[in-house]
Amino acid sequence: MESIKKVSKTCLPAGRGFTLIEILVVIGIIAVLAAIVIIAINPARQFAQARNTQRTSNVSTILNAVGQNIADNKGVFTCASNTLALGTTAVHIGTSATLADFSCLVPTYIPSAIPTDPNGGTAADTDYTVAVDANGRFTVCAPNSVTEHEISNPGPTICLTR
């Protein structure tokens, strides 16, 4: 019986707890997993995608408002605040004197204000452009989009035509 007690005492660890090596190994594993997760999530790419999605939504909102204005005015775009002649050359949308002022679309067709680019557009210059082709089709674009892989470089322009 005494030999069993000796064996069982020698099999048990002398103290409870973790060794420094075990703790360092666990911390190292957690750090590697955290780095993998951060790389996989890539916050900069996620934010760029979110801004591009917002740009697409804003361009669609502006173009829908223009389309509703045309429908309400028997096929002619009517905007008293827009004194700038729209042509085939893209012009920025905004309240500045040299830009296409679409503030007449608020609040009838757009509830609160003309949408602005999520990366610094203002009411004076929304950073969106508008052009009208020879057939009277409106094209609204967001030229400041970015690609998913090249955050610092401009991406393809987001445009919708109606």
N, C-alpha and C. Protein backbone atom coordinates (compact mmCIF):
# COMPACT_ATOMS: atom_id res chain seq x y z
N MET A 1 0.82 -1.18 0.00
CA MET A 1 0.00 0.00 0.00
C MET A 1 0.87 1.25 0.00
N GLU A 2 1.96 1.16 0.71
CA GLU A 2 2.85 2.30 0.79
C GLU A 2 3.48 2.60 -0.57
N SER A 3 3.73 1.59 -1.35
CA SER A 3 4.32 1.81 -2.68
C SER A 3 3.32 2.50 -3.61
N ILE A 4 2.03 2.22 -3.45
CA ILE A 4 1.01 2.88 -4.25
C ILE A 4 0.96 4.36 -3.92
N LYS A 5 1.07 4.70 -2.66
CA LYS A 5 1.06 6.10 -2.26
C LYS A 5 2.26 6.83 -2.83
N LYS A 6 3.42 6.17 -2.85
CA LYS A 6 4.63 6.79 -3.39
C LYS A 6 4.48 7.04 -4.90
N VAL A 7 3.91 6.08 -5.61
CA VAL A 7 3.73 6.22 -7.05
C VAL A 7 2.75 7.35 -7.36
N SER A 8 1.65 7.37 -6.63
CA SER A 8 0.66 8.40 -6.91
C SER A 8 1.18 9.78 -6.57
N LYS A 9 2.02 9.89 -5.57
CA LYS A 9 2.59 11.19 -5.22
C LYS A 9 3.59 11.65 -6.27
N THR A 10 4.32 10.74 -6.84
CA THR A 10 5.31 11.13 -7.84
C THR A 10 4.65 11.47 -9.18
N CYS A 11 3.46 10.95 -9.46
CA CYS A 11 2.77 11.23 -10.72
C CYS A 11 2.09 12.60 -10.70
N LEU A 12 1.74 13.09 -9.55
CA LEU A 12 1.07 14.38 -9.45
C LEU A 12 2.09 15.51 -9.53
N PRO A 13 1.74 16.61 -10.18
CA PRO A 13 2.66 17.74 -10.21
C PRO A 13 2.82 18.32 -8.81
N ALA A 14 3.95 18.91 -8.58
CA ALA A 14 4.25 19.44 -7.26
C ALA A 14 3.37 20.64 -6.92
N GLY A 15 3.05 21.49 -7.90
CA GLY A 15 2.22 22.66 -7.64
C GLY A 15 1.16 22.79 -8.72
N ARG A 16 0.19 23.62 -8.45
CA ARG A 16 -0.85 23.86 -9.45
C ARG A 16 -0.53 25.13 -10.21
N GLY A 17 -1.02 25.21 -11.48
CA GLY A 17 -0.81 26.40 -12.29
C GLY A 17 -0.10 26.07 -13.58
N PHE A 18 0.19 27.13 -14.34
CA PHE A 18 0.82 26.97 -15.64
C PHE A 18 2.26 27.46 -15.57
N THR A 19 3.10 26.86 -16.37
CA THR A 19 4.48 27.32 -16.42
C THR A 19 4.56 28.53 -17.34
N LEU A 20 5.65 29.24 -17.24
CA LEU A 20 5.86 30.42 -18.08
C LEU A 20 5.89 30.03 -19.56
N ILE A 21 6.48 28.93 -19.88
CA ILE A 21 6.54 28.46 -21.27
C ILE A 21 5.14 28.22 -21.81
N GLU A 22 4.28 27.57 -21.04
CA GLU A 22 2.91 27.30 -21.48
C GLU A 22 2.16 28.60 -21.75
N ILE A 23 2.31 29.55 -20.88
CA ILE A 23 1.63 30.84 -21.05
C ILE A 23 2.14 31.55 -22.30
N LEU A 24 3.46 31.55 -22.52
CA LEU A 24 4.02 32.20 -23.71
C LEU A 24 3.57 31.52 -24.99
N VAL A 25 3.46 30.21 -24.98
CA VAL A 25 3.00 29.49 -26.17
C VAL A 25 1.55 29.87 -26.48
N VAL A 26 0.70 29.93 -25.47
CA VAL A 26 -0.70 30.30 -25.68
C VAL A 26 -0.80 31.73 -26.19
N ILE A 27 -0.04 32.65 -25.63
CA ILE A 27 -0.05 34.05 -26.09
C ILE A 27 0.41 34.12 -27.54
N GLY A 28 1.44 33.36 -27.90
CA GLY A 28 1.92 33.33 -29.28
C GLY A 28 0.86 32.82 -30.24
N ILE A 29 0.15 31.77 -29.86
CA ILE A 29 -0.91 31.23 -30.70
C ILE A 29 -2.04 32.25 -30.88
N ILE A 30 -2.43 32.91 -29.80
CA ILE A 30 -3.48 33.93 -29.87
C ILE A 30 -3.04 35.08 -30.78
N ALA A 31 -1.78 35.50 -30.69
CA ALA A 31 -1.28 36.59 -31.53
C ALA A 31 -1.32 36.21 -33.01
N VAL A 32 -0.92 34.98 -33.33
CA VAL A 32 -0.95 34.53 -34.72
C VAL A 32 -2.38 34.48 -35.24
N LEU A 33 -3.30 33.96 -34.45
CA LEU A 33 -4.71 33.90 -34.85
C LEU A 33 -5.30 35.30 -35.03
N ALA A 34 -4.95 36.22 -34.14
CA ALA A 34 -5.45 37.59 -34.25
C ALA A 34 -4.93 38.25 -35.53
N ALA A 35 -3.66 38.02 -35.85
CA ALA A 35 -3.10 38.59 -37.08
C ALA A 35 -3.80 38.03 -38.31
N ILE A 36 -4.09 36.76 -38.31
CA ILE A 36 -4.79 36.14 -39.44
C ILE A 36 -6.18 36.74 -39.60
N VAL A 37 -6.89 36.92 -38.49
CA VAL A 37 -8.24 37.48 -38.54
C VAL A 37 -8.21 38.91 -39.04
N ILE A 38 -7.27 39.71 -38.57
CA ILE A 38 -7.18 41.11 -39.00
C ILE A 38 -6.87 41.19 -40.49
N ILE A 39 -5.98 40.33 -40.96
CA ILE A 39 -5.66 40.33 -42.39
C ILE A 39 -6.86 39.88 -43.21
N ALA A 40 -7.58 38.88 -42.71
CA ALA A 40 -8.75 38.37 -43.44
C ALA A 40 -9.86 39.42 -43.50
N ILE A 41 -10.07 40.14 -42.41
CA ILE A 41 -11.13 41.15 -42.37
C ILE A 41 -10.74 42.38 -43.19
N ASN A 42 -9.49 42.82 -43.09
CA ASN A 42 -8.96 43.96 -43.83
C ASN A 42 -9.89 45.18 -43.71
N PRO A 43 -9.82 45.88 -42.60
CA PRO A 43 -10.74 47.00 -42.37
C PRO A 43 -10.70 48.08 -43.45
N ALA A 44 -9.55 48.38 -44.00
CA ALA A 44 -9.47 49.42 -45.03
C ALA A 44 -10.29 49.03 -46.25
N ARG A 45 -10.20 47.77 -46.64
CA ARG A 45 -10.97 47.30 -47.79
C ARG A 45 -12.47 47.33 -47.48
N GLN A 46 -12.83 46.94 -46.26
CA GLN A 46 -14.24 46.95 -45.87
C GLN A 46 -14.81 48.37 -45.91
N PHE A 47 -14.04 49.34 -45.40
CA PHE A 47 -14.50 50.73 -45.43
C PHE A 47 -14.62 51.24 -46.86
N ALA A 48 -13.67 50.87 -47.73
CA ALA A 48 -13.73 51.29 -49.13
C ALA A 48 -14.97 50.71 -49.81
N GLN A 49 -15.26 49.44 -49.53
CA GLN A 49 -16.46 48.82 -50.11
C GLN A 49 -17.72 49.51 -49.60
N ALA A 50 -17.73 49.86 -48.32
CA ALA A 50 -18.91 50.54 -47.76
C ALA A 50 -19.11 51.91 -48.40
N ARG A 51 -18.02 52.65 -48.62
CA ARG A 51 -18.14 53.96 -49.27
C ARG A 51 -18.62 53.82 -50.71
N ASN A 52 -18.12 52.81 -51.42
CA ASN A 52 -18.58 52.60 -52.80
C ASN A 52 -20.05 52.20 -52.85
N THR A 53 -20.49 51.41 -51.89
CA THR A 53 -21.91 51.05 -51.81
C THR A 53 -22.75 52.29 -51.56
N GLN A 54 -22.28 53.16 -50.67
CA GLN A 54 -22.99 54.42 -50.40
C GLN A 54 -23.02 55.29 -51.65
N ARG A 55 -21.92 55.34 -52.39
CA ARG A 55 -21.88 56.12 -53.63
C ARG A 55 -22.91 55.60 -54.63
N THR A 56 -22.98 54.28 -54.79
CA THR A 56 -23.95 53.69 -55.72
C THR A 56 -25.37 54.05 -55.31
N SER A 57 -25.64 53.98 -54.02
CA SER A 57 -26.97 54.34 -53.52
C SER A 57 -27.27 55.82 -53.77
N ASN A 58 -26.29 56.68 -53.52
CA ASN A 58 -26.49 58.12 -53.72
C ASN A 58 -26.72 58.46 -55.19
N VAL A 59 -25.94 57.86 -56.09
CA VAL A 59 -26.10 58.09 -57.52
C VAL A 59 -27.50 57.64 -57.95
N SER A 60 -27.93 56.50 -57.45
CA SER A 60 -29.27 56.00 -57.77
C SER A 60 -30.35 56.94 -57.26
N THR A 61 -30.17 57.48 -56.05
CA THR A 61 -31.14 58.42 -55.48
C THR A 61 -31.27 59.67 -56.34
N ILE A 62 -30.13 60.23 -56.75
CA ILE A 62 -30.15 61.44 -57.57
C ILE A 62 -30.81 61.15 -58.92
N LEU A 63 -30.43 60.04 -59.54
CA LEU A 63 -30.98 59.71 -60.85
C LEU A 63 -32.48 59.41 -60.77
N ASN A 64 -32.92 58.75 -59.71
CA ASN A 64 -34.36 58.50 -59.53
C ASN A 64 -35.12 59.81 -59.37
N ALA A 65 -34.54 60.76 -58.62
CA ALA A 65 -35.19 62.06 -58.43
C ALA A 65 -35.29 62.81 -59.76
N VAL A 66 -34.24 62.75 -60.56
CA VAL A 66 -34.27 63.40 -61.88
C VAL A 66 -35.34 62.74 -62.74
N GLY A 67 -35.41 61.42 -62.71
CA GLY A 67 -36.42 60.69 -63.49
C GLY A 67 -37.83 61.04 -63.07
N GLN A 68 -38.06 61.17 -61.76
CA GLN A 68 -39.39 61.55 -61.27
C GLN A 68 -39.74 62.98 -61.69
N ASN A 69 -38.73 63.87 -61.66
CA ASN A 69 -38.95 65.24 -62.09
C ASN A 69 -39.33 65.27 -63.57
N ILE A 70 -38.64 64.50 -64.38
CA ILE A 70 -38.95 64.44 -65.81
C ILE A 70 -40.35 63.89 -66.03
N ALA A 71 -40.71 62.86 -65.30
CA ALA A 71 -42.05 62.26 -65.44
C ALA A 71 -43.14 63.25 -65.04
N ASP A 72 -42.90 64.02 -63.99
CA ASP A 72 -43.89 64.99 -63.52
C ASP A 72 -44.01 66.20 -64.45
N ASN A 73 -43.00 66.46 -65.27
CA ASN A 73 -42.99 67.64 -66.14
C ASN A 73 -43.05 67.27 -67.62
N LYS A 74 -43.79 66.23 -67.92
CA LYS A 74 -44.09 65.82 -69.31
C LYS A 74 -42.84 65.60 -70.15
N GLY A 75 -41.85 64.92 -69.56
CA GLY A 75 -40.66 64.54 -70.32
C GLY A 75 -39.56 65.57 -70.38
N VAL A 76 -39.69 66.66 -69.64
CA VAL A 76 -38.67 67.70 -69.66
C VAL A 76 -38.16 67.90 -68.23
N PHE A 77 -36.82 67.90 -68.07
CA PHE A 77 -36.25 68.17 -66.75
C PHE A 77 -36.41 69.64 -66.44
N THR A 78 -37.11 69.94 -65.36
CA THR A 78 -37.38 71.32 -64.97
C THR A 78 -36.82 71.54 -63.57
N CYS A 79 -35.92 72.50 -63.48
CA CYS A 79 -35.31 72.80 -62.18
C CYS A 79 -34.99 74.29 -62.17
N ALA A 80 -35.79 75.06 -61.48
CA ALA A 80 -35.63 76.52 -61.48
C ALA A 80 -34.29 76.94 -60.90
N SER A 81 -33.77 76.18 -59.94
CA SER A 81 -32.51 76.57 -59.32
C SER A 81 -31.31 76.24 -60.20
N ASN A 82 -31.49 75.39 -61.22
CA ASN A 82 -30.39 75.01 -62.10
C ASN A 82 -30.32 75.95 -63.29
N THR A 83 -29.43 76.93 -63.22
CA THR A 83 -29.27 77.89 -64.31
C THR A 83 -28.17 77.46 -65.27
N LEU A 84 -27.46 76.39 -64.94
CA LEU A 84 -26.38 75.90 -65.78
C LEU A 84 -26.93 74.98 -66.86
N ALA A 85 -26.55 75.22 -68.09
CA ALA A 85 -27.00 74.36 -69.19
C ALA A 85 -26.28 73.02 -69.11
N LEU A 86 -27.04 71.95 -69.03
CA LEU A 86 -26.44 70.62 -68.96
C LEU A 86 -26.14 70.13 -70.36
N GLY A 87 -24.97 69.53 -70.52
CA GLY A 87 -24.59 69.02 -71.83
C GLY A 87 -23.89 67.68 -71.70
N THR A 88 -23.21 67.29 -72.77
CA THR A 88 -22.56 65.99 -72.78
C THR A 88 -21.31 65.96 -71.92
N THR A 89 -20.77 67.12 -71.58
CA THR A 89 -19.62 67.18 -70.68
C THR A 89 -20.12 67.08 -69.24
N ALA A 90 -19.51 66.19 -68.47
CA ALA A 90 -19.93 66.00 -67.08
C ALA A 90 -19.66 67.25 -66.26
N VAL A 91 -20.65 67.64 -65.46
CA VAL A 91 -20.56 68.81 -64.59
C VAL A 91 -20.84 68.34 -63.17
N HIS A 92 -20.08 68.84 -62.21
CA HIS A 92 -20.31 68.48 -60.82
C HIS A 92 -21.66 69.02 -60.34
N ILE A 93 -22.27 68.27 -59.45
CA ILE A 93 -23.54 68.68 -58.85
C ILE A 93 -23.24 69.38 -57.54
N GLY A 94 -23.85 70.53 -57.32
CA GLY A 94 -23.66 71.26 -56.07
C GLY A 94 -24.33 72.62 -56.13
N THR A 95 -24.31 73.33 -55.03
CA THR A 95 -24.98 74.63 -54.96
C THR A 95 -24.07 75.78 -55.39
N SER A 96 -22.80 75.49 -55.66
CA SER A 96 -21.88 76.53 -56.12
C SER A 96 -22.35 77.06 -57.48
N ALA A 97 -22.03 78.30 -57.79
CA ALA A 97 -22.53 78.97 -59.00
C ALA A 97 -22.10 78.28 -60.29
N THR A 98 -20.94 77.64 -60.29
CA THR A 98 -20.44 77.02 -61.52
C THR A 98 -20.83 75.55 -61.65
N LEU A 99 -21.64 75.05 -60.74
CA LEU A 99 -22.03 73.64 -60.75
C LEU A 99 -23.51 73.48 -61.07
N ALA A 100 -23.91 72.27 -61.38
CA ALA A 100 -25.32 71.97 -61.64
C ALA A 100 -26.07 71.91 -60.31
N ASP A 101 -26.93 72.87 -60.08
CA ASP A 101 -27.67 72.97 -58.82
C ASP A 101 -28.97 72.18 -58.91
N PHE A 102 -29.03 71.08 -58.21
CA PHE A 102 -30.22 70.23 -58.20
C PHE A 102 -31.01 70.37 -56.90
N SER A 103 -30.84 71.49 -56.20
CA SER A 103 -31.54 71.66 -54.93
C SER A 103 -33.06 71.75 -55.11
N CYS A 104 -33.52 71.95 -56.34
CA CYS A 104 -34.97 71.97 -56.60
C CYS A 104 -35.59 70.59 -56.39
N LEU A 105 -34.76 69.56 -56.36
CA LEU A 105 -35.27 68.19 -56.16
C LEU A 105 -35.61 67.90 -54.70
N VAL A 106 -35.17 68.81 -53.81
CA VAL A 106 -35.42 68.65 -52.38
C VAL A 106 -36.57 69.56 -52.00
N PRO A 107 -37.53 69.22 -51.25
CA PRO A 107 -37.87 67.93 -50.65
C PRO A 107 -38.84 67.10 -51.48
N THR A 108 -39.23 67.58 -52.67
CA THR A 108 -40.24 66.88 -53.46
C THR A 108 -39.80 65.48 -53.86
N TYR A 109 -38.56 65.35 -54.34
CA TYR A 109 -38.10 64.07 -54.86
C TYR A 109 -37.04 63.41 -53.98
N ILE A 110 -36.31 64.21 -53.21
CA ILE A 110 -35.31 63.70 -52.26
C ILE A 110 -35.69 64.29 -50.91
N PRO A 111 -35.92 63.46 -49.90
CA PRO A 111 -36.49 63.94 -48.63
C PRO A 111 -35.69 65.02 -47.89
N SER A 112 -34.38 64.88 -47.75
CA SER A 112 -33.67 65.82 -46.88
C SER A 112 -32.71 66.74 -47.63
N ALA A 113 -31.76 66.18 -48.35
CA ALA A 113 -30.78 67.00 -49.07
C ALA A 113 -30.19 66.18 -50.20
N ILE A 114 -29.55 66.86 -51.14
CA ILE A 114 -28.86 66.15 -52.22
C ILE A 114 -27.74 65.32 -51.59
N PRO A 115 -27.67 64.03 -51.89
CA PRO A 115 -26.62 63.20 -51.29
C PRO A 115 -25.22 63.67 -51.69
N THR A 116 -24.28 63.53 -50.78
CA THR A 116 -22.90 63.92 -51.03
C THR A 116 -21.99 62.70 -50.94
N ASP A 117 -20.83 62.80 -51.57
CA ASP A 117 -19.86 61.71 -51.54
C ASP A 117 -19.43 61.44 -50.10
N PRO A 118 -19.36 60.17 -49.69
CA PRO A 118 -19.02 59.87 -48.30
C PRO A 118 -17.57 60.20 -47.94
N ASN A 119 -16.78 60.57 -48.92
CA ASN A 119 -15.38 60.86 -48.64
C ASN A 119 -15.09 62.35 -48.76
N GLY A 120 -16.02 63.20 -48.38
CA GLY A 120 -15.74 64.63 -48.33
C GLY A 120 -16.60 65.52 -49.19
N GLY A 121 -17.67 65.00 -49.76
CA GLY A 121 -18.56 65.85 -50.54
C GLY A 121 -19.32 66.82 -49.64
N THR A 122 -19.65 67.99 -50.17
CA THR A 122 -20.41 68.98 -49.42
C THR A 122 -21.60 69.42 -50.26
N ALA A 123 -22.46 70.23 -49.70
CA ALA A 123 -23.60 70.74 -50.46
C ALA A 123 -23.11 71.62 -51.61
N ALA A 124 -22.02 72.35 -51.41
CA ALA A 124 -21.49 73.21 -52.46
C ALA A 124 -20.94 72.39 -53.62
N ASP A 125 -20.33 71.24 -53.33
CA ASP A 125 -19.84 70.33 -54.37
C ASP A 125 -19.99 68.91 -53.84
N THR A 126 -20.98 68.21 -54.35
CA THR A 126 -21.29 66.87 -53.85
C THR A 126 -20.25 65.82 -54.26
N ASP A 127 -19.38 66.15 -55.19
CA ASP A 127 -18.41 65.23 -55.79
C ASP A 127 -19.08 64.20 -56.69
N TYR A 128 -20.31 64.46 -57.10
CA TYR A 128 -20.99 63.64 -58.11
C TYR A 128 -21.13 64.49 -59.36
N THR A 129 -21.16 63.84 -60.52
CA THR A 129 -21.28 64.57 -61.78
C THR A 129 -22.54 64.17 -62.51
N VAL A 130 -22.97 65.05 -63.41
CA VAL A 130 -24.15 64.78 -64.24
C VAL A 130 -23.84 65.22 -65.67
N ALA A 131 -24.35 64.45 -66.62
CA ALA A 131 -24.22 64.80 -68.04
C ALA A 131 -25.49 64.33 -68.74
N VAL A 132 -25.81 64.99 -69.84
CA VAL A 132 -26.98 64.63 -70.64
C VAL A 132 -26.49 64.35 -72.05
N ASP A 133 -26.83 63.17 -72.58
CA ASP A 133 -26.38 62.86 -73.94
C ASP A 133 -27.31 63.49 -74.98
N ALA A 134 -27.01 63.27 -76.25
CA ALA A 134 -27.78 63.88 -77.34
C ALA A 134 -29.23 63.43 -77.35
N ASN A 135 -29.52 62.27 -76.78
CA ASN A 135 -30.89 61.75 -76.73
C ASN A 135 -31.64 62.18 -75.47
N GLY A 136 -31.01 63.00 -74.63
CA GLY A 136 -31.67 63.47 -73.42
C GLY A 136 -31.56 62.50 -72.24
N ARG A 137 -30.69 61.51 -72.35
CA ARG A 137 -30.51 60.56 -71.25
C ARG A 137 -29.52 61.13 -70.24
N PHE A 138 -29.92 61.11 -68.98
CA PHE A 138 -29.08 61.63 -67.90
C PHE A 138 -28.13 60.54 -67.42
N THR A 139 -26.89 60.93 -67.15
CA THR A 139 -25.91 60.04 -66.54
C THR A 139 -25.37 60.73 -65.30
N VAL A 140 -25.51 60.08 -64.16
CA VAL A 140 -24.98 60.59 -62.90
C VAL A 140 -23.84 59.66 -62.49
N CYS A 141 -22.70 60.24 -62.14
CA CYS A 141 -21.51 59.45 -61.82
C CYS A 141 -20.91 59.84 -60.47
N ALA A 142 -20.22 58.88 -59.88
CA ALA A 142 -19.43 59.09 -58.67
C ALA A 142 -17.98 58.81 -59.05
N PRO A 143 -17.22 59.84 -59.43
CA PRO A 143 -15.86 59.61 -59.94
C PRO A 143 -14.83 59.27 -58.88
N ASN A 144 -15.15 59.37 -57.60
CA ASN A 144 -14.16 59.15 -56.55
C ASN A 144 -14.17 57.76 -55.95
N SER A 145 -14.68 56.77 -56.66
CA SER A 145 -14.71 55.42 -56.11
C SER A 145 -13.30 54.86 -56.03
N VAL A 146 -13.11 53.87 -55.17
CA VAL A 146 -11.81 53.22 -55.00
C VAL A 146 -11.96 51.73 -55.22
N THR A 147 -10.86 51.10 -55.63
CA THR A 147 -10.89 49.66 -55.82
C THR A 147 -10.71 48.97 -54.48
N GLU A 148 -11.10 47.71 -54.42
CA GLU A 148 -10.98 46.95 -53.18
C GLU A 148 -9.53 46.68 -52.83
N HIS A 149 -8.68 46.48 -53.82
CA HIS A 149 -7.30 46.07 -53.56
C HIS A 149 -6.32 47.23 -53.54
N GLU A 150 -6.68 48.33 -54.13
CA GLU A 150 -5.79 49.48 -54.19
C GLU A 150 -6.50 50.67 -53.58
N ILE A 151 -6.48 50.73 -52.26
CA ILE A 151 -7.24 51.73 -51.52
C ILE A 151 -6.79 53.15 -51.90
N SER A 152 -5.51 53.35 -52.14
CA SER A 152 -5.03 54.70 -52.42
C SER A 152 -5.26 55.12 -53.87
N ASN A 153 -5.57 54.18 -54.75
CA ASN A 153 -5.76 54.50 -56.16
C ASN A 153 -7.23 54.60 -56.50
N PRO A 154 -7.58 55.51 -57.41
CA PRO A 154 -8.98 55.60 -57.81
C PRO A 154 -9.43 54.35 -58.54
N GLY A 155 -10.66 54.00 -58.34
CA GLY A 155 -11.22 52.84 -59.00
C GLY A 155 -12.06 53.26 -60.18
N PRO A 156 -12.79 52.33 -60.74
CA PRO A 156 -13.66 52.68 -61.86
C PRO A 156 -14.77 53.61 -61.39
N THR A 157 -15.14 54.55 -62.23
CA THR A 157 -16.20 55.49 -61.90
C THR A 157 -17.53 54.76 -61.83
N ILE A 158 -18.30 55.04 -60.80
CA ILE A 158 -19.63 54.46 -60.65
C ILE A 158 -20.61 55.37 -61.37
N CYS A 159 -21.28 54.86 -62.40
CA CYS A 159 -22.22 55.67 -63.20
C CYS A 159 -23.52 54.93 -63.41
N LEU A 160 -24.60 55.67 -63.42
CA LEU A 160 -25.92 55.14 -63.79
C LEU A 160 -26.52 56.08 -64.82
N THR A 161 -27.20 55.50 -65.81
CA THR A 161 -27.81 56.29 -66.89
C THR A 161 -29.28 55.96 -66.99
N ARG A 162 -30.08 56.98 -67.21
CA ARG A 162 -31.51 56.79 -67.43
C ARG A 162 -31.99 57.80 -68.44
